């Protein structure tokens, strides 16, 4: 079911809004996959709702830990691979 009301709550909070099953990620070739991503769009992190809907972003999986702590870095099997995600 397609929901047209942008105020429908997420299934995470008991609502009906969720990603469509036809938007599952897929492998394009050995090092590139493609998929879709729902995004929080408060504007405080650079995404601003309808402006970003439909835009694509490239994720690069690296073996690098954030300097502010011991978190970050991709799983060993993902290092060097990329993923293109489209904001939906």
PDB file of N, CA and C in Angstrom:
ATOM      1  N   UNK A   1       0.848  -1.184   0.000  1.00  0.00           N
ATOM      2  CA  UNK A   1       0.000   0.000   0.000  1.00  0.00           C
ATOM      3  C   UNK A   1       0.893   1.246   0.000  1.00  0.00           C
ATOM      4  N   UNK A   2       0.652   2.144  -0.931  1.00  0.00           N
ATOM      5  CA  UNK A   2       1.394   3.398  -0.997  1.00  0.00           C
ATOM      6  C   UNK A   2       0.727   4.404  -0.062  1.00  0.00           C
ATOM      7  N   UNK A   3       1.519   5.022   0.770  1.00  0.00           N
ATOM      8  CA  UNK A   3       1.010   6.036   1.694  1.00  0.00           C
ATOM      9  C   UNK A   3       1.329   7.419   1.141  1.00  0.00           C
ATOM     10  N   UNK A   4       0.358   8.280   1.065  1.00  0.00           N
ATOM     11  CA  UNK A   4       0.558   9.621   0.516  1.00  0.00           C
ATOM     12  C   UNK A   4       0.679  10.679   1.608  1.00  0.00           C
ATOM     13  N   UNK A   5       0.304  10.343   2.820  1.00  0.00           N
ATOM     14  CA  UNK A   5       0.356  11.295   3.931  1.00  0.00           C
ATOM     15  C   UNK A   5       1.757  11.271   4.533  1.00  0.00           C
ATOM     16  N   UNK A   6       2.524  12.374   4.443  1.00  0.00           N
ATOM     17  CA  UNK A   6       3.893  12.386   4.962  1.00  0.00           C
ATOM     18  C   UNK A   6       3.955  12.337   6.487  1.00  0.00           C
ATOM     19  N   UNK A   7       2.819  12.440   7.150  1.00  0.00           N
ATOM     20  CA  UNK A   7       2.805  12.452   8.614  1.00  0.00           C
ATOM     21  C   UNK A   7       2.496  11.087   9.227  1.00  0.00           C
ATOM     22  N   UNK A   8       2.356  10.053   8.402  1.00  0.00           N
ATOM     23  CA  UNK A   8       2.106   8.712   8.927  1.00  0.00           C
ATOM     24  C   UNK A   8       3.334   8.273   9.718  1.00  0.00           C
ATOM     25  N   UNK A   9       3.102   7.737  10.919  1.00  0.00           N
ATOM     26  CA  UNK A   9       4.215   7.316  11.766  1.00  0.00           C
ATOM     27  C   UNK A   9       4.908   6.078  11.230  1.00  0.00           C
ATOM     28  N   UNK A  10       6.171   5.964  11.552  1.00  0.00           N
ATOM     29  CA  UNK A  10       6.984   4.812  11.172  1.00  0.00           C
ATOM     30  C   UNK A  10       6.468   3.544  11.848  1.00  0.00           C
ATOM     31  N   UNK A  11       6.687   2.397  11.196  1.00  0.00           N
ATOM     32  CA  UNK A  11       6.348   1.124  11.820  1.00  0.00           C
ATOM     33  C   UNK A  11       7.154   0.919  13.096  1.00  0.00           C
ATOM     34  N   UNK A  12       8.292   1.581  13.190  1.00  0.00           N
ATOM     35  CA  UNK A  12       9.121   1.487  14.396  1.00  0.00           C
ATOM     36  C   UNK A  12       8.409   2.066  15.616  1.00  0.00           C
ATOM     37  N   UNK A  13       7.446   2.935  15.361  1.00  0.00           N
ATOM     38  CA  UNK A  13       6.688   3.560  16.450  1.00  0.00           C
ATOM     39  C   UNK A  13       5.219   3.159  16.402  1.00  0.00           C
ATOM     40  N   UNK A  14       4.918   2.034  15.749  1.00  0.00           N
ATOM     41  CA  UNK A  14       3.555   1.533  15.721  1.00  0.00           C
ATOM     42  C   UNK A  14       2.711   2.020  14.550  1.00  0.00           C
ATOM     43  N   UNK A  15       3.281   2.829  13.657  1.00  0.00           N
ATOM     44  CA  UNK A  15       2.549   3.344  12.508  1.00  0.00           C
ATOM     45  C   UNK A  15       2.585   2.403  11.325  1.00  0.00           C
ATOM     46  N   UNK A  16       2.177   2.909  10.173  1.00  0.00           N
ATOM     47  CA  UNK A  16       2.091   2.085   8.963  1.00  0.00           C
ATOM     48  C   UNK A  16       3.178   2.391   7.941  1.00  0.00           C
ATOM     49  N   UNK A  17       4.016   3.404   8.155  1.00  0.00           N
ATOM     50  CA  UNK A  17       5.019   3.804   7.171  1.00  0.00           C
ATOM     51  C   UNK A  17       6.254   2.902   7.247  1.00  0.00           C
ATOM     52  N   UNK A  18       6.630   2.347   6.102  1.00  0.00           N
ATOM     53  CA  UNK A  18       7.808   1.477   6.013  1.00  0.00           C
ATOM     54  C   UNK A  18       8.331   1.522   4.586  1.00  0.00           C
ATOM     55  N   UNK A  19       9.533   1.014   4.380  1.00  0.00           N
ATOM     56  CA  UNK A  19      10.097   0.935   3.047  1.00  0.00           C
ATOM     57  C   UNK A  19       9.381  -0.152   2.254  1.00  0.00           C
ATOM     58  N   UNK A  20       9.137   0.114   0.994  1.00  0.00           N
ATOM     59  CA  UNK A  20       8.473  -0.863   0.128  1.00  0.00           C
ATOM     60  C   UNK A  20       9.387  -2.058  -0.113  1.00  0.00           C
ATOM     61  N   UNK A  21       8.821  -3.244  -0.229  1.00  0.00           N
ATOM     62  CA  UNK A  21       9.628  -4.448  -0.431  1.00  0.00           C
ATOM     63  C   UNK A  21      10.345  -4.441  -1.770  1.00  0.00           C
ATOM     64  N   UNK A  22       9.852  -3.659  -2.749  1.00  0.00           N
ATOM     65  CA  UNK A  22      10.546  -3.608  -4.031  1.00  0.00           C
ATOM     66  C   UNK A  22      11.742  -2.658  -3.985  1.00  0.00           C
ATOM     67  N   UNK A  23      12.024  -2.092  -2.833  1.00  0.00           N
ATOM     68  CA  UNK A  23      13.176  -1.212  -2.676  1.00  0.00           C
ATOM     69  C   UNK A  23      14.300  -1.887  -1.900  1.00  0.00           C
ATOM     70  N   UNK A  24      14.387  -3.203  -2.011  1.00  0.00           N
ATOM     71  CA  UNK A  24      15.471  -3.909  -1.336  1.00  0.00           C
ATOM     72  C   UNK A  24      16.774  -3.690  -2.100  1.00  0.00           C
ATOM     73  N   UNK A  25      17.914  -3.686  -1.412  1.00  0.00           N
ATOM     74  CA  UNK A  25      19.200  -3.472  -2.092  1.00  0.00           C
ATOM     75  C   UNK A  25      19.521  -4.631  -3.037  1.00  0.00           C
ATOM     76  N   UNK A  26      20.360  -4.341  -4.041  1.00  0.00           N
ATOM     77  CA  UNK A  26      20.759  -5.378  -4.980  1.00  0.00           C
ATOM     78  C   UNK A  26      22.211  -5.172  -5.397  1.00  0.00           C
ATOM     79  N   UNK A  27      22.855  -6.256  -5.770  1.00  0.00           N
ATOM     80  CA  UNK A  27      24.245  -6.243  -6.211  1.00  0.00           C
ATOM     81  C   UNK A  27      24.291  -5.903  -7.686  1.00  0.00           C
ATOM     82  N   UNK A  28      25.050  -4.864  -8.041  1.00  0.00           N
ATOM     83  CA  UNK A  28      25.210  -4.482  -9.451  1.00  0.00           C
ATOM     84  C   UNK A  28      26.371  -5.254 -10.064  1.00  0.00           C
ATOM     85  N   UNK A  29      27.493  -5.260  -9.378  1.00  0.00           N
ATOM     86  CA  UNK A  29      28.631  -6.095  -9.766  1.00  0.00           C
ATOM     87  C   UNK A  29      29.389  -6.451  -8.491  1.00  0.00           C
ATOM     88  N   UNK A  30      30.541  -7.070  -8.601  1.00  0.00           N
ATOM     89  CA  UNK A  30      31.263  -7.564  -7.432  1.00  0.00           C
ATOM     90  C   UNK A  30      31.609  -6.538  -6.374  1.00  0.00           C
ATOM     91  N   UNK A  31      31.778  -5.269  -6.761  1.00  0.00           N
ATOM     92  CA  UNK A  31      32.181  -4.245  -5.806  1.00  0.00           C
ATOM     93  C   UNK A  31      31.185  -3.106  -5.653  1.00  0.00           C
ATOM     94  N   UNK A  32      30.035  -3.210  -6.314  1.00  0.00           N
ATOM     95  CA  UNK A  32      29.048  -2.126  -6.271  1.00  0.00           C
ATOM     96  C   UNK A  32      27.645  -2.681  -6.070  1.00  0.00           C
ATOM     97  N   UNK A  33      26.980  -2.163  -5.049  1.00  0.00           N
ATOM     98  CA  UNK A  33      25.580  -2.505  -4.838  1.00  0.00           C
ATOM     99  C   UNK A  33      24.769  -1.221  -4.860  1.00  0.00           C
ATOM    100  N   UNK A  34      23.475  -1.373  -5.019  1.00  0.00           N
ATOM    101  CA  UNK A  34      22.579  -0.217  -5.068  1.00  0.00           C
ATOM    102  C   UNK A  34      21.388  -0.489  -4.170  1.00  0.00           C
ATOM    103  N   UNK A  35      20.836   0.588  -3.624  1.00  0.00           N
ATOM    104  CA  UNK A  35      19.686   0.428  -2.752  1.00  0.00           C
ATOM    105  C   UNK A  35      19.020   1.764  -2.468  1.00  0.00           C
ATOM    106  N   UNK A  36      18.130   1.741  -1.536  1.00  0.00           N
ATOM    107  CA  UNK A  36      17.344   2.918  -1.182  1.00  0.00           C
ATOM    108  C   UNK A  36      17.484   3.157   0.314  1.00  0.00           C
ATOM    109  N   UNK A  37      17.333   4.392   0.731  1.00  0.00           N
ATOM    110  CA  UNK A  37      17.447   4.712   2.149  1.00  0.00           C
ATOM    111  C   UNK A  37      16.425   5.775   2.525  1.00  0.00           C
ATOM    112  N   UNK A  38      15.654   5.477   3.555  1.00  0.00           N
ATOM    113  CA  UNK A  38      14.802   6.500   4.131  1.00  0.00           C
ATOM    114  C   UNK A  38      15.712   7.377   4.983  1.00  0.00           C
ATOM    115  N   UNK A  39      15.438   8.655   5.049  1.00  0.00           N
ATOM    116  CA  UNK A  39      16.330   9.551   5.778  1.00  0.00           C
ATOM    117  C   UNK A  39      15.541  10.477   6.692  1.00  0.00           C
ATOM    118  N   UNK A  40      16.070  10.675   7.897  1.00  0.00           N
ATOM    119  CA  UNK A  40      15.518  11.686   8.792  1.00  0.00           C
ATOM    120  C   UNK A  40      15.887  13.034   8.198  1.00  0.00           C
ATOM    121  N   UNK A  41      14.944  13.943   8.104  1.00  0.00           N
ATOM    122  CA  UNK A  41      15.184  15.169   7.345  1.00  0.00           C
ATOM    123  C   UNK A  41      14.908  16.433   8.164  1.00  0.00           C
ATOM    124  N   UNK A  42      15.493  16.507   9.342  1.00  0.00           N
ATOM    125  CA  UNK A  42      15.277  17.673  10.189  1.00  0.00           C
ATOM    126  C   UNK A  42      16.024  18.900   9.686  1.00  0.00           C
ATOM    127  N   UNK A  43      16.996  18.698   8.836  1.00  0.00           N
ATOM    128  CA  UNK A  43      17.798  19.808   8.331  1.00  0.00           C
ATOM    129  C   UNK A  43      19.057  20.040   9.140  1.00  0.00           C
ATOM    130  N   UNK A  44      19.129  19.504  10.363  1.00  0.00           N
ATOM    131  CA  UNK A  44      20.295  19.747  11.220  1.00  0.00           C
ATOM    132  C   UNK A  44      21.536  19.002  10.737  1.00  0.00           C
ATOM    133  N   UNK A  45      21.386  18.067   9.810  1.00  0.00           N
ATOM    134  CA  UNK A  45      22.527  17.312   9.296  1.00  0.00           C
ATOM    135  C   UNK A  45      22.682  17.455   7.795  1.00  0.00           C
ATOM    136  N   UNK A  46      21.966  18.419   7.198  1.00  0.00           N
ATOM    137  CA  UNK A  46      22.142  18.689   5.780  1.00  0.00           C
ATOM    138  C   UNK A  46      21.043  18.172   4.879  1.00  0.00           C
ATOM    139  N   UNK A  47      20.177  17.291   5.362  1.00  0.00           N
ATOM    140  CA  UNK A  47      19.075  16.796   4.542  1.00  0.00           C
ATOM    141  C   UNK A  47      17.813  17.588   4.881  1.00  0.00           C
ATOM    142  N   UNK A  48      17.091  17.990   3.850  1.00  0.00           N
ATOM    143  CA  UNK A  48      15.936  18.868   4.082  1.00  0.00           C
ATOM    144  C   UNK A  48      14.681  18.395   3.354  1.00  0.00           C
ATOM    145  N   UNK A  49      14.298  17.156   3.564  1.00  0.00           N
ATOM    146  CA  UNK A  49      13.017  16.669   3.057  1.00  0.00           C
ATOM    147  C   UNK A  49      12.944  16.547   1.557  1.00  0.00           C
ATOM    148  N   UNK A  50      11.928  17.158   0.960  1.00  0.00           N
ATOM    149  CA  UNK A  50      11.675  17.006  -0.468  1.00  0.00           C
ATOM    150  C   UNK A  50      12.861  17.421  -1.328  1.00  0.00           C
ATOM    151  N   UNK A  51      13.688  18.331  -0.848  1.00  0.00           N
ATOM    152  CA  UNK A  51      14.866  18.757  -1.601  1.00  0.00           C
ATOM    153  C   UNK A  51      15.788  17.574  -1.867  1.00  0.00           C
ATOM    154  N   UNK A  52      15.915  16.671  -0.907  1.00  0.00           N
ATOM    155  CA  UNK A  52      16.833  15.540  -1.036  1.00  0.00           C
ATOM    156  C   UNK A  52      16.173  14.269  -1.559  1.00  0.00           C
ATOM    157  N   UNK A  53      14.861  14.225  -1.587  1.00  0.00           N
ATOM    158  CA  UNK A  53      14.166  13.025  -2.051  1.00  0.00           C
ATOM    159  C   UNK A  53      14.547  12.758  -3.508  1.00  0.00           C
ATOM    160  N   UNK A  54      14.987  11.544  -3.784  1.00  0.00           N
ATOM    161  CA  UNK A  54      15.396  11.164  -5.130  1.00  0.00           C
ATOM    162  C   UNK A  54      16.882  11.346  -5.389  1.00  0.00           C
ATOM    163  N   UNK A  55      17.594  12.064  -4.519  1.00  0.00           N
ATOM    164  CA  UNK A  55      19.032  12.238  -4.720  1.00  0.00           C
ATOM    165  C   UNK A  55      19.768  10.952  -4.385  1.00  0.00           C
ATOM    166  N   UNK A  56      20.911  10.764  -5.023  1.00  0.00           N
ATOM    167  CA  UNK A  56      21.726   9.575  -4.793  1.00  0.00           C
ATOM    168  C   UNK A  56      23.022   9.949  -4.090  1.00  0.00           C
ATOM    169  N   UNK A  57      23.483   9.044  -3.245  1.00  0.00           N
ATOM    170  CA  UNK A  57      24.722   9.232  -2.505  1.00  0.00           C
ATOM    171  C   UNK A  57      25.555   7.969  -2.619  1.00  0.00           C
ATOM    172  N   UNK A  58      26.875   8.132  -2.704  1.00  0.00           N
ATOM    173  CA  UNK A  58      27.764   6.981  -2.783  1.00  0.00           C
ATOM    174  C   UNK A  58      28.379   6.736  -1.407  1.00  0.00           C
ATOM    175  N   UNK A  59      28.265   5.517  -0.937  1.00  0.00           N
ATOM    176  CA  UNK A  59      28.894   5.101   0.315  1.00  0.00           C
ATOM    177  C   UNK A  59      30.132   4.298  -0.040  1.00  0.00           C
ATOM    178  N   UNK A  60      31.234   4.611   0.595  1.00  0.00           N
ATOM    179  CA  UNK A  60      32.469   3.848   0.387  1.00  0.00           C
ATOM    180  C   UNK A  60      32.810   3.167   1.709  1.00  0.00           C
ATOM    181  N   UNK A  61      32.970   1.873   1.668  1.00  0.00           N
ATOM    182  CA  UNK A  61      33.258   1.117   2.879  1.00  0.00           C
ATOM    183  C   UNK A  61      34.769   1.057   3.092  1.00  0.00           C
ATOM    184  N   UNK A  62      35.210   1.597   4.220  1.00  0.00           N
ATOM    185  CA  UNK A  62      36.636   1.726   4.511  1.00  0.00           C
ATOM    186  C   UNK A  62      36.964   1.099   5.860  1.00  0.00           C
ATOM    187  N   UNK A  63      38.236   0.871   6.069  1.00  0.00           N
ATOM    188  CA  UNK A  63      38.726   0.336   7.335  1.00  0.00           C
ATOM    189  C   UNK A  63      39.361   1.478   8.115  1.00  0.00           C
ATOM    190  N   UNK A  64      38.520   2.349   8.642  1.00  0.00           N
ATOM    191  CA  UNK A  64      39.033   3.504   9.367  1.00  0.00           C
ATOM    192  C   UNK A  64      38.151   3.727  10.593  1.00  0.00           C
ATOM    193  N   UNK A  65      38.764   3.932  11.725  1.00  0.00           N
ATOM    194  CA  UNK A  65      38.053   4.159  12.980  1.00  0.00           C
ATOM    195  C   UNK A  65      38.006   5.659  13.243  1.00  0.00           C
ATOM    196  N   UNK A  66      36.891   6.139  13.770  1.00  0.00           N
ATOM    197  CA  UNK A  66      36.754   7.556  14.101  1.00  0.00           C
ATOM    198  C   UNK A  66      37.739   7.957  15.199  1.00  0.00           C
ATOM    199  N   UNK A  67      38.270   9.149  15.086  1.00  0.00           N
ATOM    200  CA  UNK A  67      39.262   9.622  16.057  1.00  0.00           C
ATOM    201  C   UNK A  67      38.653   9.896  17.430  1.00  0.00           C
ATOM    202  N   UNK A  68      37.329  10.083  17.502  1.00  0.00           N
ATOM    203  CA  UNK A  68      36.674  10.382  18.776  1.00  0.00           C
ATOM    204  C   UNK A  68      36.339   9.127  19.568  1.00  0.00           C
ATOM    205  N   UNK A  69      36.773   8.001  19.141  1.00  0.00           N
ATOM    206  CA  UNK A  69      36.461   6.770  19.864  1.00  0.00           C
ATOM    207  C   UNK A  69      36.808   5.556  19.039  1.00  0.00           C
ATOM    208  N   UNK A  70      36.509   4.417  19.572  1.00  0.00           N
ATOM    209  CA  UNK A  70      36.862   3.186  18.863  1.00  0.00           C
ATOM    210  C   UNK A  70      35.634   2.626  18.139  1.00  0.00           C
ATOM    211  N   UNK A  71      35.018   3.441  17.298  1.00  0.00           N
ATOM    212  CA  UNK A  71      33.860   2.981  16.531  1.00  0.00           C
ATOM    213  C   UNK A  71      34.041   3.374  15.072  1.00  0.00           C
ATOM    214  N   UNK A  72      33.361   2.679  14.205  1.00  0.00           N
ATOM    215  CA  UNK A  72      33.449   2.956  12.777  1.00  0.00           C
ATOM    216  C   UNK A  72      34.273   1.908  12.067  1.00  0.00           C
ATOM    217  N   UNK A  73      34.337   2.042  10.791  1.00  0.00           N
ATOM    218  CA  UNK A  73      35.059   1.078   9.971  1.00  0.00           C
ATOM    219  C   UNK A  73      34.136  -0.031   9.517  1.00  0.00           C
ATOM    220  N   UNK A  74      34.308  -0.464   8.300  1.00  0.00           N
ATOM    221  CA  UNK A  74      33.442  -1.475   7.703  1.00  0.00           C
ATOM    222  C   UNK A  74      33.897  -2.878   8.080  1.00  0.00           C
ATOM    223  N   UNK A  75      32.988  -3.816   7.951  1.00  0.00           N
ATOM    224  CA  UNK A  75      33.323  -5.213   8.105  1.00  0.00           C
ATOM    225  C   UNK A  75      34.387  -5.569   7.064  1.00  0.00           C
ATOM    226  N   UNK A  76      35.268  -6.460   7.414  1.00  0.00           N
ATOM    227  CA  UNK A  76      36.389  -6.837   6.548  1.00  0.00           C
ATOM    228  C   UNK A  76      35.944  -7.217   5.129  1.00  0.00           C
ATOM    229  N   UNK A  77      34.796  -7.881   4.989  1.00  0.00           N
ATOM    230  CA  UNK A  77      34.317  -8.300   3.672  1.00  0.00           C
ATOM    231  C   UNK A  77      33.792  -7.138   2.829  1.00  0.00           C
ATOM    232  N   UNK A  78      33.518  -5.986   3.456  1.00  0.00           N
ATOM    233  CA  UNK A  78      32.999  -4.831   2.724  1.00  0.00           C
ATOM    234  C   UNK A  78      34.066  -3.818   2.328  1.00  0.00           C
ATOM    235  N   UNK A  79      35.224  -3.868   2.955  1.00  0.00           N
ATOM    236  CA  UNK A  79      36.274  -2.877   2.706  1.00  0.00           C
ATOM    237  C   UNK A  79      36.604  -2.812   1.221  1.00  0.00           C
ATOM    238  N   UNK A  80      36.594  -1.603   0.680  1.00  0.00           N
ATOM    239  CA  UNK A  80      36.897  -1.366  -0.725  1.00  0.00           C
ATOM    240  C   UNK A  80      35.688  -1.431  -1.643  1.00  0.00           C
ATOM    241  N   UNK A  81      34.541  -1.788  -1.084  1.00  0.00           N
ATOM    242  CA  UNK A  81      33.336  -1.860  -1.897  1.00  0.00           C
ATOM    243  C   UNK A  81      32.537  -0.555  -1.770  1.00  0.00           C
ATOM    244  N   UNK A  82      31.573  -0.363  -2.671  1.00  0.00           N
ATOM    245  CA  UNK A  82      30.770   0.866  -2.677  1.00  0.00           C
ATOM    246  C   UNK A  82      29.300   0.521  -2.778  1.00  0.00           C
ATOM    247  N   UNK A  83      28.476   1.462  -2.364  1.00  0.00           N
ATOM    248  CA  UNK A  83      27.030   1.305  -2.493  1.00  0.00           C
ATOM    249  C   UNK A  83      26.445   2.661  -2.864  1.00  0.00           C
ATOM    250  N   UNK A  84      25.578   2.674  -3.850  1.00  0.00           N
ATOM    251  CA  UNK A  84      24.840   3.870  -4.218  1.00  0.00           C
ATOM    252  C   UNK A  84      23.465   3.752  -3.587  1.00  0.00           C
ATOM    253  N   UNK A  85      23.072   4.752  -2.787  1.00  0.00           N
ATOM    254  CA  UNK A  85      21.741   4.752  -2.187  1.00  0.00           C
ATOM    255  C   UNK A  85      20.976   5.958  -2.679  1.00  0.00           C
ATOM    256  N   UNK A  86      19.695   5.763  -2.925  1.00  0.00           N
ATOM    257  CA  UNK A  86      18.807   6.854  -3.324  1.00  0.00           C
ATOM    258  C   UNK A  86      17.900   7.157  -2.141  1.00  0.00           C
ATOM    259  N   UNK A  87      17.829   8.434  -1.765  1.00  0.00           N
ATOM    260  CA  UNK A  87      16.962   8.856  -0.666  1.00  0.00           C
ATOM    261  C   UNK A  87      15.514   8.773  -1.137  1.00  0.00           C
ATOM    262  N   UNK A  88      14.708   8.075  -0.355  1.00  0.00           N
ATOM    263  CA  UNK A  88      13.289   7.924  -0.704  1.00  0.00           C
ATOM    264  C   UNK A  88      12.407   8.537   0.358  1.00  0.00           C
TER     265      UNK A  88
END
